[in-house]
């Protein structure tokens, strides 16, 4: 049965170990001791599944949009600081922090 990276990634550790049990490949050796991340790599290598097929480069368009939104949030933050509006300041900083996390993941 042919597996894809997306399909293997959604499987549990127990299911991945069951697949690795049936493989006679050097990469799958010691499968009982591997965590999901390492087990996924080993199973993909043993089955010859391309692990780079899962990369989507749609983030580029969203990246500029997120950066623009971050600039606007910084302006809003500065306005809230000068107006001493604590609730707006807190909300703005929270949105900025979440947006920065999303940016760093992209």
PDB file of N, CA and C in Angstrom:
ATOM      1  N   UNK A   1       0.842  -1.180   0.000  1.00  0.00           N
ATOM      2  CA  UNK A   1       0.000   0.000   0.000  1.00  0.00           C
ATOM      3  C   UNK A   1       0.890   1.248   0.000  1.00  0.00           C
ATOM      4  N   UNK A   2       0.670   2.129  -0.933  1.00  0.00           N
ATOM      5  CA  UNK A   2       1.473   3.341  -1.044  1.00  0.00           C
ATOM      6  C   UNK A   2       0.982   4.383  -0.048  1.00  0.00           C
ATOM      7  N   UNK A   3       1.920   4.944   0.686  1.00  0.00           N
ATOM      8  CA  UNK A   3       1.596   5.964   1.678  1.00  0.00           C
ATOM      9  C   UNK A   3       2.125   7.314   1.197  1.00  0.00           C
ATOM     10  N   UNK A   4       1.449   8.366   1.618  1.00  0.00           N
ATOM     11  CA  UNK A   4       1.938   9.712   1.354  1.00  0.00           C
ATOM     12  C   UNK A   4       2.406  10.304   2.671  1.00  0.00           C
ATOM     13  N   UNK A   5       3.187  11.366   2.576  1.00  0.00           N
ATOM     14  CA  UNK A   5       3.680  12.017   3.789  1.00  0.00           C
ATOM     15  C   UNK A   5       2.528  12.552   4.620  1.00  0.00           C
ATOM     16  N   UNK A   6       1.549  13.153   3.959  1.00  0.00           N
ATOM     17  CA  UNK A   6       0.402  13.721   4.668  1.00  0.00           C
ATOM     18  C   UNK A   6      -0.353  12.643   5.436  1.00  0.00           C
ATOM     19  N   UNK A   7      -0.519  11.502   4.810  1.00  0.00           N
ATOM     20  CA  UNK A   7      -1.231  10.390   5.436  1.00  0.00           C
ATOM     21  C   UNK A   7      -0.449   9.858   6.645  1.00  0.00           C
ATOM     22  N   UNK A   8       0.867   9.696   6.482  1.00  0.00           N
ATOM     23  CA  UNK A   8       1.692   9.182   7.577  1.00  0.00           C
ATOM     24  C   UNK A   8       1.744  10.159   8.746  1.00  0.00           C
ATOM     25  N   UNK A   9       1.737  11.436   8.435  1.00  0.00           N
ATOM     26  CA  UNK A   9       1.827  12.457   9.477  1.00  0.00           C
ATOM     27  C   UNK A   9       0.597  12.445  10.389  1.00  0.00           C
ATOM     28  N   UNK A  10      -0.551  12.070   9.857  1.00  0.00           N
ATOM     29  CA  UNK A  10      -1.782  12.062  10.657  1.00  0.00           C
ATOM     30  C   UNK A  10      -1.930  10.792  11.492  1.00  0.00           C
ATOM     31  N   UNK A  11      -1.113   9.804  11.228  1.00  0.00           N
ATOM     32  CA  UNK A  11      -1.200   8.547  11.982  1.00  0.00           C
ATOM     33  C   UNK A  11      -0.630   8.697  13.389  1.00  0.00           C
ATOM     34  N   UNK A  12      -1.075   7.847  14.278  1.00  0.00           N
ATOM     35  CA  UNK A  12      -0.577   7.851  15.652  1.00  0.00           C
ATOM     36  C   UNK A  12       0.761   7.119  15.707  1.00  0.00           C
ATOM     37  N   UNK A  13       1.437   7.229  16.837  1.00  0.00           N
ATOM     38  CA  UNK A  13       2.727   6.558  17.016  1.00  0.00           C
ATOM     39  C   UNK A  13       2.538   5.044  16.919  1.00  0.00           C
ATOM     40  N   UNK A  14       1.462   4.532  17.499  1.00  0.00           N
ATOM     41  CA  UNK A  14       1.201   3.092  17.462  1.00  0.00           C
ATOM     42  C   UNK A  14       1.012   2.609  16.024  1.00  0.00           C
ATOM     43  N   UNK A  15       0.292   3.383  15.222  1.00  0.00           N
ATOM     44  CA  UNK A  15       0.087   3.001  13.827  1.00  0.00           C
ATOM     45  C   UNK A  15       1.400   3.060  13.038  1.00  0.00           C
ATOM     46  N   UNK A  16       2.211   4.076  13.309  1.00  0.00           N
ATOM     47  CA  UNK A  16       3.511   4.175  12.636  1.00  0.00           C
ATOM     48  C   UNK A  16       4.424   3.013  13.029  1.00  0.00           C
ATOM     49  N   UNK A  17       4.369   2.630  14.289  1.00  0.00           N
ATOM     50  CA  UNK A  17       5.191   1.490  14.738  1.00  0.00           C
ATOM     51  C   UNK A  17       4.729   0.192  14.086  1.00  0.00           C
ATOM     52  N   UNK A  18       3.420   0.068  13.888  1.00  0.00           N
ATOM     53  CA  UNK A  18       2.878  -1.114  13.226  1.00  0.00           C
ATOM     54  C   UNK A  18       3.371  -1.180  11.779  1.00  0.00           C
ATOM     55  N   UNK A  19       3.426  -0.044  11.115  1.00  0.00           N
ATOM     56  CA  UNK A  19       3.942   0.012   9.743  1.00  0.00           C
ATOM     57  C   UNK A  19       5.430  -0.326   9.742  1.00  0.00           C
ATOM     58  N   UNK A  20       6.175   0.248  10.706  1.00  0.00           N
ATOM     59  CA  UNK A  20       7.623   0.027  10.781  1.00  0.00           C
ATOM     60  C   UNK A  20       7.947  -1.422  11.099  1.00  0.00           C
ATOM     61  N   UNK A  21       7.055  -2.092  11.829  1.00  0.00           N
ATOM     62  CA  UNK A  21       7.286  -3.494  12.185  1.00  0.00           C
ATOM     63  C   UNK A  21       7.370  -4.361  10.933  1.00  0.00           C
ATOM     64  N   UNK A  22       6.573  -4.048   9.947  1.00  0.00           N
ATOM     65  CA  UNK A  22       6.556  -4.833   8.718  1.00  0.00           C
ATOM     66  C   UNK A  22       7.647  -4.472   7.731  1.00  0.00           C
ATOM     67  N   UNK A  23       8.468  -3.497   8.046  1.00  0.00           N
ATOM     68  CA  UNK A  23       9.519  -3.061   7.130  1.00  0.00           C
ATOM     69  C   UNK A  23      10.846  -3.726   7.460  1.00  0.00           C
ATOM     70  N   UNK A  24      11.534  -4.138   6.435  1.00  0.00           N
ATOM     71  CA  UNK A  24      12.863  -4.709   6.629  1.00  0.00           C
ATOM     72  C   UNK A  24      13.868  -3.740   6.017  1.00  0.00           C
ATOM     73  N   UNK A  25      14.048  -2.621   6.712  1.00  0.00           N
ATOM     74  CA  UNK A  25      14.942  -1.571   6.222  1.00  0.00           C
ATOM     75  C   UNK A  25      15.771  -1.066   7.388  1.00  0.00           C
ATOM     76  N   UNK A  26      16.975  -0.695   7.085  1.00  0.00           N
ATOM     77  CA  UNK A  26      17.920  -0.210   8.094  1.00  0.00           C
ATOM     78  C   UNK A  26      17.401   1.035   8.833  1.00  0.00           C
ATOM     79  N   UNK A  27      16.677   1.896   8.140  1.00  0.00           N
ATOM     80  CA  UNK A  27      16.169   3.132   8.746  1.00  0.00           C
ATOM     81  C   UNK A  27      15.107   2.854   9.808  1.00  0.00           C
ATOM     82  N   UNK A  28      14.409   1.722   9.674  1.00  0.00           N
ATOM     83  CA  UNK A  28      13.324   1.403  10.601  1.00  0.00           C
ATOM     84  C   UNK A  28      13.800   0.592  11.808  1.00  0.00           C
ATOM     85  N   UNK A  29      15.084   0.367  11.927  1.00  0.00           N
ATOM     86  CA  UNK A  29      15.611  -0.377  13.073  1.00  0.00           C
ATOM     87  C   UNK A  29      15.404   0.417  14.357  1.00  0.00           C
ATOM     88  N   UNK A  30      15.006  -0.224  15.412  1.00  0.00           N
ATOM     89  CA  UNK A  30      14.799   0.432  16.696  1.00  0.00           C
ATOM     90  C   UNK A  30      13.540   1.277  16.731  1.00  0.00           C
ATOM     91  N   UNK A  31      12.564   0.914  15.925  1.00  0.00           N
ATOM     92  CA  UNK A  31      11.337   1.708  15.820  1.00  0.00           C
ATOM     93  C   UNK A  31      10.559   1.775  17.132  1.00  0.00           C
ATOM     94  N   UNK A  32      10.739   0.815  18.004  1.00  0.00           N
ATOM     95  CA  UNK A  32       9.983   0.811  19.265  1.00  0.00           C
ATOM     96  C   UNK A  32      10.459   1.900  20.212  1.00  0.00           C
ATOM     97  N   UNK A  33      11.643   2.419  19.996  1.00  0.00           N
ATOM     98  CA  UNK A  33      12.212   3.412  20.897  1.00  0.00           C
ATOM     99  C   UNK A  33      12.138   4.837  20.368  1.00  0.00           C
ATOM    100  N   UNK A  34      11.608   5.003  19.148  1.00  0.00           N
ATOM    101  CA  UNK A  34      11.576   6.318  18.523  1.00  0.00           C
ATOM    102  C   UNK A  34      10.297   7.072  18.863  1.00  0.00           C
ATOM    103  N   UNK A  35      10.427   8.385  18.994  1.00  0.00           N
ATOM    104  CA  UNK A  35       9.227   9.201  19.157  1.00  0.00           C
ATOM    105  C   UNK A  35       8.619   9.434  17.774  1.00  0.00           C
ATOM    106  N   UNK A  36       7.467  10.100  17.727  1.00  0.00           N
ATOM    107  CA  UNK A  36       6.739  10.219  16.468  1.00  0.00           C
ATOM    108  C   UNK A  36       7.543  10.946  15.395  1.00  0.00           C
ATOM    109  N   UNK A  37       8.210  12.013  15.769  1.00  0.00           N
ATOM    110  CA  UNK A  37       8.958  12.801  14.794  1.00  0.00           C
ATOM    111  C   UNK A  37      10.040  11.958  14.117  1.00  0.00           C
ATOM    112  N   UNK A  38      10.824  11.257  14.917  1.00  0.00           N
ATOM    113  CA  UNK A  38      11.902  10.432  14.368  1.00  0.00           C
ATOM    114  C   UNK A  38      11.358   9.189  13.661  1.00  0.00           C
ATOM    115  N   UNK A  39      10.281   8.652  14.186  1.00  0.00           N
ATOM    116  CA  UNK A  39       9.664   7.473  13.579  1.00  0.00           C
ATOM    117  C   UNK A  39       9.100   7.820  12.200  1.00  0.00           C
ATOM    118  N   UNK A  40       8.516   8.996  12.087  1.00  0.00           N
ATOM    119  CA  UNK A  40       7.966   9.442  10.812  1.00  0.00           C
ATOM    120  C   UNK A  40       9.070   9.560   9.757  1.00  0.00           C
ATOM    121  N   UNK A  41      10.201  10.123  10.143  1.00  0.00           N
ATOM    122  CA  UNK A  41      11.338  10.247   9.228  1.00  0.00           C
ATOM    123  C   UNK A  41      11.839   8.868   8.817  1.00  0.00           C
ATOM    124  N   UNK A  42      11.952   7.958   9.785  1.00  0.00           N
ATOM    125  CA  UNK A  42      12.456   6.615   9.493  1.00  0.00           C
ATOM    126  C   UNK A  42      11.521   5.858   8.556  1.00  0.00           C
ATOM    127  N   UNK A  43      10.221   5.932   8.812  1.00  0.00           N
ATOM    128  CA  UNK A  43       9.252   5.221   7.972  1.00  0.00           C
ATOM    129  C   UNK A  43       9.250   5.806   6.560  1.00  0.00           C
ATOM    130  N   UNK A  44       9.307   7.115   6.463  1.00  0.00           N
ATOM    131  CA  UNK A  44       9.346   7.749   5.138  1.00  0.00           C
ATOM    132  C   UNK A  44      10.587   7.328   4.361  1.00  0.00           C
ATOM    133  N   UNK A  45      11.715   7.280   5.053  1.00  0.00           N
ATOM    134  CA  UNK A  45      12.964   6.873   4.402  1.00  0.00           C
ATOM    135  C   UNK A  45      12.878   5.409   3.952  1.00  0.00           C
ATOM    136  N   UNK A  46      12.325   4.559   4.811  1.00  0.00           N
ATOM    137  CA  UNK A  46      12.226   3.138   4.488  1.00  0.00           C
ATOM    138  C   UNK A  46      11.258   2.878   3.336  1.00  0.00           C
ATOM    139  N   UNK A  47      10.181   3.649   3.281  1.00  0.00           N
ATOM    140  CA  UNK A  47       9.192   3.469   2.212  1.00  0.00           C
ATOM    141  C   UNK A  47       9.527   4.254   0.952  1.00  0.00           C
ATOM    142  N   UNK A  48      10.502   5.157   1.045  1.00  0.00           N
ATOM    143  CA  UNK A  48      10.862   5.977  -0.099  1.00  0.00           C
ATOM    144  C   UNK A  48       9.857   7.090  -0.369  1.00  0.00           C
ATOM    145  N   UNK A  49       9.209   7.554   0.696  1.00  0.00           N
ATOM    146  CA  UNK A  49       8.215   8.621   0.556  1.00  0.00           C
ATOM    147  C   UNK A  49       8.927   9.965   0.584  1.00  0.00           C
ATOM    148  N   UNK A  50       8.580  10.824  -0.354  1.00  0.00           N
ATOM    149  CA  UNK A  50       9.179  12.157  -0.431  1.00  0.00           C
ATOM    150  C   UNK A  50       8.614  13.024   0.685  1.00  0.00           C
ATOM    151  N   UNK A  51       9.477  13.460   1.586  1.00  0.00           N
ATOM    152  CA  UNK A  51       9.025  14.267   2.722  1.00  0.00           C
ATOM    153  C   UNK A  51       8.907  15.741   2.359  1.00  0.00           C
ATOM    154  N   UNK A  52       9.395  16.140   1.218  1.00  0.00           N
ATOM    155  CA  UNK A  52       9.359  17.552   0.840  1.00  0.00           C
ATOM    156  C   UNK A  52       8.117  17.911   0.050  1.00  0.00           C
ATOM    157  N   UNK A  53       7.264  16.940  -0.186  1.00  0.00           N
ATOM    158  CA  UNK A  53       6.040  17.206  -0.942  1.00  0.00           C
ATOM    159  C   UNK A  53       5.031  18.003  -0.117  1.00  0.00           C
ATOM    160  N   UNK A  54       5.229  18.069   1.187  1.00  0.00           N
ATOM    161  CA  UNK A  54       4.247  18.727   2.052  1.00  0.00           C
ATOM    162  C   UNK A  54       4.466  20.229   2.172  1.00  0.00           C
ATOM    163  N   UNK A  55       5.538  20.756   1.609  1.00  0.00           N
ATOM    164  CA  UNK A  55       5.797  22.185   1.746  1.00  0.00           C
ATOM    165  C   UNK A  55       4.904  22.984   0.800  1.00  0.00           C
ATOM    166  N   UNK A  56       4.218  23.954   1.362  1.00  0.00           N
ATOM    167  CA  UNK A  56       3.376  24.840   0.569  1.00  0.00           C
ATOM    168  C   UNK A  56       3.964  26.236   0.658  1.00  0.00           C
ATOM    169  N   UNK A  57       4.136  26.869  -0.471  1.00  0.00           N
ATOM    170  CA  UNK A  57       4.737  28.194  -0.493  1.00  0.00           C
ATOM    171  C   UNK A  57       3.693  29.280  -0.692  1.00  0.00           C
ATOM    172  N   UNK A  58       2.545  29.099  -0.088  1.00  0.00           N
ATOM    173  CA  UNK A  58       1.490  30.091  -0.158  1.00  0.00           C
ATOM    174  C   UNK A  58       1.715  31.199   0.863  1.00  0.00           C
ATOM    175  N   UNK A  59       2.608  30.982   1.784  1.00  0.00           N
ATOM    176  CA  UNK A  59       2.830  31.948   2.857  1.00  0.00           C
ATOM    177  C   UNK A  59       3.451  33.240   2.363  1.00  0.00           C
ATOM    178  N   UNK A  60       4.093  33.222   1.212  1.00  0.00           N
ATOM    179  CA  UNK A  60       4.741  34.415   0.688  1.00  0.00           C
ATOM    180  C   UNK A  60       3.780  35.572   0.493  1.00  0.00           C
ATOM    181  N   UNK A  61       2.603  35.275  -0.024  1.00  0.00           N
ATOM    182  CA  UNK A  61       1.603  36.317  -0.243  1.00  0.00           C
ATOM    183  C   UNK A  61       1.066  36.813   1.092  1.00  0.00           C
ATOM    184  N   UNK A  62       0.883  35.896   2.011  1.00  0.00           N
ATOM    185  CA  UNK A  62       0.371  36.274   3.325  1.00  0.00           C
ATOM    186  C   UNK A  62       1.432  36.986   4.160  1.00  0.00           C
ATOM    187  N   UNK A  63       2.681  36.728   3.861  1.00  0.00           N
ATOM    188  CA  UNK A  63       3.778  37.300   4.622  1.00  0.00           C
ATOM    189  C   UNK A  63       3.770  38.823   4.548  1.00  0.00           C
ATOM    190  N   UNK A  64       3.640  39.367   3.361  1.00  0.00           N
ATOM    191  CA  UNK A  64       3.614  40.823   3.222  1.00  0.00           C
ATOM    192  C   UNK A  64       2.372  41.412   3.874  1.00  0.00           C
ATOM    193  N   UNK A  65       1.272  40.680   3.778  1.00  0.00           N
ATOM    194  CA  UNK A  65       0.030  41.138   4.410  1.00  0.00           C
ATOM    195  C   UNK A  65       0.181  41.188   5.934  1.00  0.00           C
ATOM    196  N   UNK A  66       0.817  40.155   6.490  1.00  0.00           N
ATOM    197  CA  UNK A  66       1.013  40.111   7.939  1.00  0.00           C
ATOM    198  C   UNK A  66       1.971  41.208   8.395  1.00  0.00           C
ATOM    199  N   UNK A  67       3.008  41.470   7.607  1.00  0.00           N
ATOM    200  CA  UNK A  67       3.953  42.529   7.968  1.00  0.00           C
ATOM    201  C   UNK A  67       3.284  43.896   7.938  1.00  0.00           C
ATOM    202  N   UNK A  68       2.424  44.097   6.974  1.00  0.00           N
ATOM    203  CA  UNK A  68       1.690  45.359   6.876  1.00  0.00           C
ATOM    204  C   UNK A  68       0.768  45.524   8.092  1.00  0.00           C
ATOM    205  N   UNK A  69       0.099  44.435   8.466  1.00  0.00           N
ATOM    206  CA  UNK A  69      -0.787  44.472   9.635  1.00  0.00           C
ATOM    207  C   UNK A  69       0.008  44.762  10.908  1.00  0.00           C
ATOM    208  N   UNK A  70       1.212  44.204  10.992  1.00  0.00           N
ATOM    209  CA  UNK A  70       2.063  44.447  12.153  1.00  0.00           C
ATOM    210  C   UNK A  70       2.452  45.916  12.256  1.00  0.00           C
ATOM    211  N   UNK A  71       2.741  46.549  11.138  1.00  0.00           N
ATOM    212  CA  UNK A  71       3.073  47.977  11.145  1.00  0.00           C
ATOM    213  C   UNK A  71       1.890  48.806  11.644  1.00  0.00           C
ATOM    214  N   UNK A  72       0.691  48.443  11.193  1.00  0.00           N
ATOM    215  CA  UNK A  72      -0.506  49.153  11.633  1.00  0.00           C
ATOM    216  C   UNK A  72      -0.741  48.958  13.127  1.00  0.00           C
ATOM    217  N   UNK A  73      -0.478  47.749  13.606  1.00  0.00           N
ATOM    218  CA  UNK A  73      -0.642  47.473  15.035  1.00  0.00           C
ATOM    219  C   UNK A  73       0.362  48.273  15.874  1.00  0.00           C
ATOM    220  N   UNK A  74       1.566  48.446  15.340  1.00  0.00           N
ATOM    221  CA  UNK A  74       2.560  49.248  16.063  1.00  0.00           C
ATOM    222  C   UNK A  74       2.104  50.692  16.188  1.00  0.00           C
ATOM    223  N   UNK A  75       1.502  51.228  15.120  1.00  0.00           N
ATOM    224  CA  UNK A  75       0.973  52.597  15.179  1.00  0.00           C
ATOM    225  C   UNK A  75      -0.153  52.688  16.210  1.00  0.00           C
ATOM    226  N   UNK A  76      -1.018  51.678  16.181  1.00  0.00           N
ATOM    227  CA  UNK A  76      -2.140  51.642  17.126  1.00  0.00           C
ATOM    228  C   UNK A  76      -1.629  51.532  18.567  1.00  0.00           C
ATOM    229  N   UNK A  77      -0.571  50.754  18.755  1.00  0.00           N
ATOM    230  CA  UNK A  77       0.029  50.611  20.079  1.00  0.00           C
ATOM    231  C   UNK A  77       0.576  51.946  20.575  1.00  0.00           C
ATOM    232  N   UNK A  78       1.272  52.657  19.695  1.00  0.00           N
ATOM    233  CA  UNK A  78       1.828  53.959  20.067  1.00  0.00           C
ATOM    234  C   UNK A  78       0.731  54.952  20.418  1.00  0.00           C
ATOM    235  N   UNK A  79      -0.367  54.918  19.686  1.00  0.00           N
ATOM    236  CA  UNK A  79      -1.497  55.789  19.989  1.00  0.00           C
ATOM    237  C   UNK A  79      -2.105  55.453  21.343  1.00  0.00           C
ATOM    238  N   UNK A  80      -2.205  54.152  21.645  1.00  0.00           N
ATOM    239  CA  UNK A  80      -2.771  53.720  22.925  1.00  0.00           C
ATOM    240  C   UNK A  80      -1.863  54.121  24.082  1.00  0.00           C
ATOM    241  N   UNK A  81      -0.553  54.075  23.862  1.00  0.00           N
ATOM    242  CA  UNK A  81       0.393  54.492  24.907  1.00  0.00           C
ATOM    243  C   UNK A  81       0.250  55.976  25.177  1.00  0.00           C
ATOM    244  N   UNK A  82       0.172  56.778  24.119  1.00  0.00           N
ATOM    245  CA  UNK A  82       0.066  58.228  24.313  1.00  0.00           C
ATOM    246  C   UNK A  82      -1.285  58.615  24.909  1.00  0.00           C
ATOM    247  N   UNK A  83      -2.343  57.850  24.613  1.00  0.00           N
ATOM    248  CA  UNK A  83      -3.673  58.140  25.154  1.00  0.00           C
ATOM    249  C   UNK A  83      -3.884  57.480  26.516  1.00  0.00           C
ATOM    250  N   UNK A  84      -2.924  56.669  26.955  1.00  0.00           N
ATOM    251  CA  UNK A  84      -2.992  55.936  28.224  1.00  0.00           C
ATOM    252  C   UNK A  84      -4.228  55.044  28.306  1.00  0.00           C
ATOM    253  N   UNK A  85      -4.549  54.405  27.190  1.00  0.00           N
ATOM    254  CA  UNK A  85      -5.685  53.485  27.109  1.00  0.00           C
ATOM    255  C   UNK A  85      -5.165  52.062  27.326  1.00  0.00           C
ATOM    256  N   UNK A  86      -5.309  51.574  28.547  1.00  0.00           N
ATOM    257  CA  UNK A  86      -4.706  50.288  28.904  1.00  0.00           C
ATOM    258  C   UNK A  86      -5.362  49.100  28.220  1.00  0.00           C
ATOM    259  N   UNK A  87      -6.680  49.125  28.053  1.00  0.00           N
ATOM    260  CA  UNK A  87      -7.347  47.974  27.437  1.00  0.00           C
ATOM    261  C   UNK A  87      -6.971  47.839  25.965  1.00  0.00           C
ATOM    262  N   UNK A  88      -6.961  48.950  25.250  1.00  0.00           N
ATOM    263  CA  UNK A  88      -6.568  48.912  23.838  1.00  0.00           C
ATOM    264  C   UNK A  88      -5.102  48.506  23.715  1.00  0.00           C
ATOM    265  N   UNK A  89      -4.282  48.999  24.613  1.00  0.00           N
ATOM    266  CA  UNK A  89      -2.859  48.668  24.604  1.00  0.00           C
ATOM    267  C   UNK A  89      -2.651  47.174  24.797  1.00  0.00           C
ATOM    268  N   UNK A  90      -3.360  46.601  25.751  1.00  0.00           N
ATOM    269  CA  UNK A  90      -3.210  45.175  26.033  1.00  0.00           C
ATOM    270  C   UNK A  90      -3.666  44.332  24.844  1.00  0.00           C
ATOM    271  N   UNK A  91      -4.812  44.683  24.263  1.00  0.00           N
ATOM    272  CA  UNK A  91      -5.324  43.939  23.108  1.00  0.00           C
ATOM    273  C   UNK A  91      -4.379  44.050  21.917  1.00  0.00           C
ATOM    274  N   UNK A  92      -3.870  45.235  21.708  1.00  0.00           N
ATOM    275  CA  UNK A  92      -2.960  45.452  20.579  1.00  0.00           C
ATOM    276  C   UNK A  92      -1.671  44.666  20.760  1.00  0.00           C
ATOM    277  N   UNK A  93      -1.129  44.687  21.950  1.00  0.00           N
ATOM    278  CA  UNK A  93       0.109  43.940  22.202  1.00  0.00           C
ATOM    279  C   UNK A  93      -0.106  42.438  22.050  1.00  0.00           C
ATOM    280  N   UNK A  94      -1.264  41.953  22.478  1.00  0.00           N
ATOM    281  CA  UNK A  94      -1.578  40.533  22.332  1.00  0.00           C
ATOM    282  C   UNK A  94      -1.666  40.158  20.859  1.00  0.00           C
ATOM    283  N   UNK A  95      -2.358  40.987  20.076  1.00  0.00           N
ATOM    284  CA  UNK A  95      -2.465  40.724  18.639  1.00  0.00           C
ATOM    285  C   UNK A  95      -1.094  40.774  17.974  1.00  0.00           C
ATOM    286  N   UNK A  96      -0.249  41.715  18.407  1.00  0.00           N
ATOM    287  CA  UNK A  96       1.101  41.811  17.847  1.00  0.00           C
ATOM    288  C   UNK A  96       1.912  40.557  18.163  1.00  0.00           C
ATOM    289  N   UNK A  97       1.819  40.105  19.388  1.00  0.00           N
ATOM    290  CA  UNK A  97       2.580  38.926  19.808  1.00  0.00           C
ATOM    291  C   UNK A  97       2.143  37.698  19.002  1.00  0.00           C
ATOM    292  N   UNK A  98       0.836  37.520  18.826  1.00  0.00           N
ATOM    293  CA  UNK A  98       0.334  36.378  18.060  1.00  0.00           C
ATOM    294  C   UNK A  98       0.753  36.465  16.595  1.00  0.00           C
ATOM    295  N   UNK A  99       0.713  37.666  16.062  1.00  0.00           N
ATOM    296  CA  UNK A  99       1.102  37.861  14.676  1.00  0.00           C
ATOM    297  C   UNK A  99       2.590  37.594  14.479  1.00  0.00           C
ATOM    298  N   UNK A 100       3.405  38.001  15.445  1.00  0.00           N
ATOM    299  CA  UNK A 100       4.851  37.745  15.367  1.00  0.00           C
ATOM    300  C   UNK A 100       5.142  36.248  15.411  1.00  0.00           C
ATOM    301  N   UNK A 101       4.373  35.503  16.209  1.00  0.00           N
ATOM    302  CA  UNK A 101       4.535  34.054  16.257  1.00  0.00           C
ATOM    303  C   UNK A 101       4.215  33.437  14.915  1.00  0.00           C
ATOM    304  N   UNK A 102       3.115  33.885  14.303  1.00  0.00           N
ATOM    305  CA  UNK A 102       2.736  33.374  12.992  1.00  0.00           C
ATOM    306  C   UNK A 102       3.783  33.713  11.947  1.00  0.00           C
ATOM    307  N   UNK A 103       4.364  34.905  12.046  1.00  0.00           N
ATOM    308  CA  UNK A 103       5.410  35.311  11.114  1.00  0.00           C
ATOM    309  C   UNK A 103       6.654  34.445  11.258  1.00  0.00           C
ATOM    310  N   UNK A 104       7.014  34.147  12.483  1.00  0.00           N
ATOM    311  CA  UNK A 104       8.230  33.358  12.699  1.00  0.00           C
ATOM    312  C   UNK A 104       8.047  31.908  12.229  1.00  0.00           C
ATOM    313  N   UNK A 105       6.814  31.423  12.252  1.00  0.00           N
ATOM    314  CA  UNK A 105       6.556  30.068  11.777  1.00  0.00           C
ATOM    315  C   UNK A 105       6.577  29.980  10.259  1.00  0.00           C
ATOM    316  N   UNK A 106       6.337  31.088   9.591  1.00  0.00           N
ATOM    317  CA  UNK A 106       6.297  31.102   8.120  1.00  0.00           C
ATOM    318  C   UNK A 106       7.669  31.077   7.517  1.00  0.00           C
TER     319      UNK A 106
END
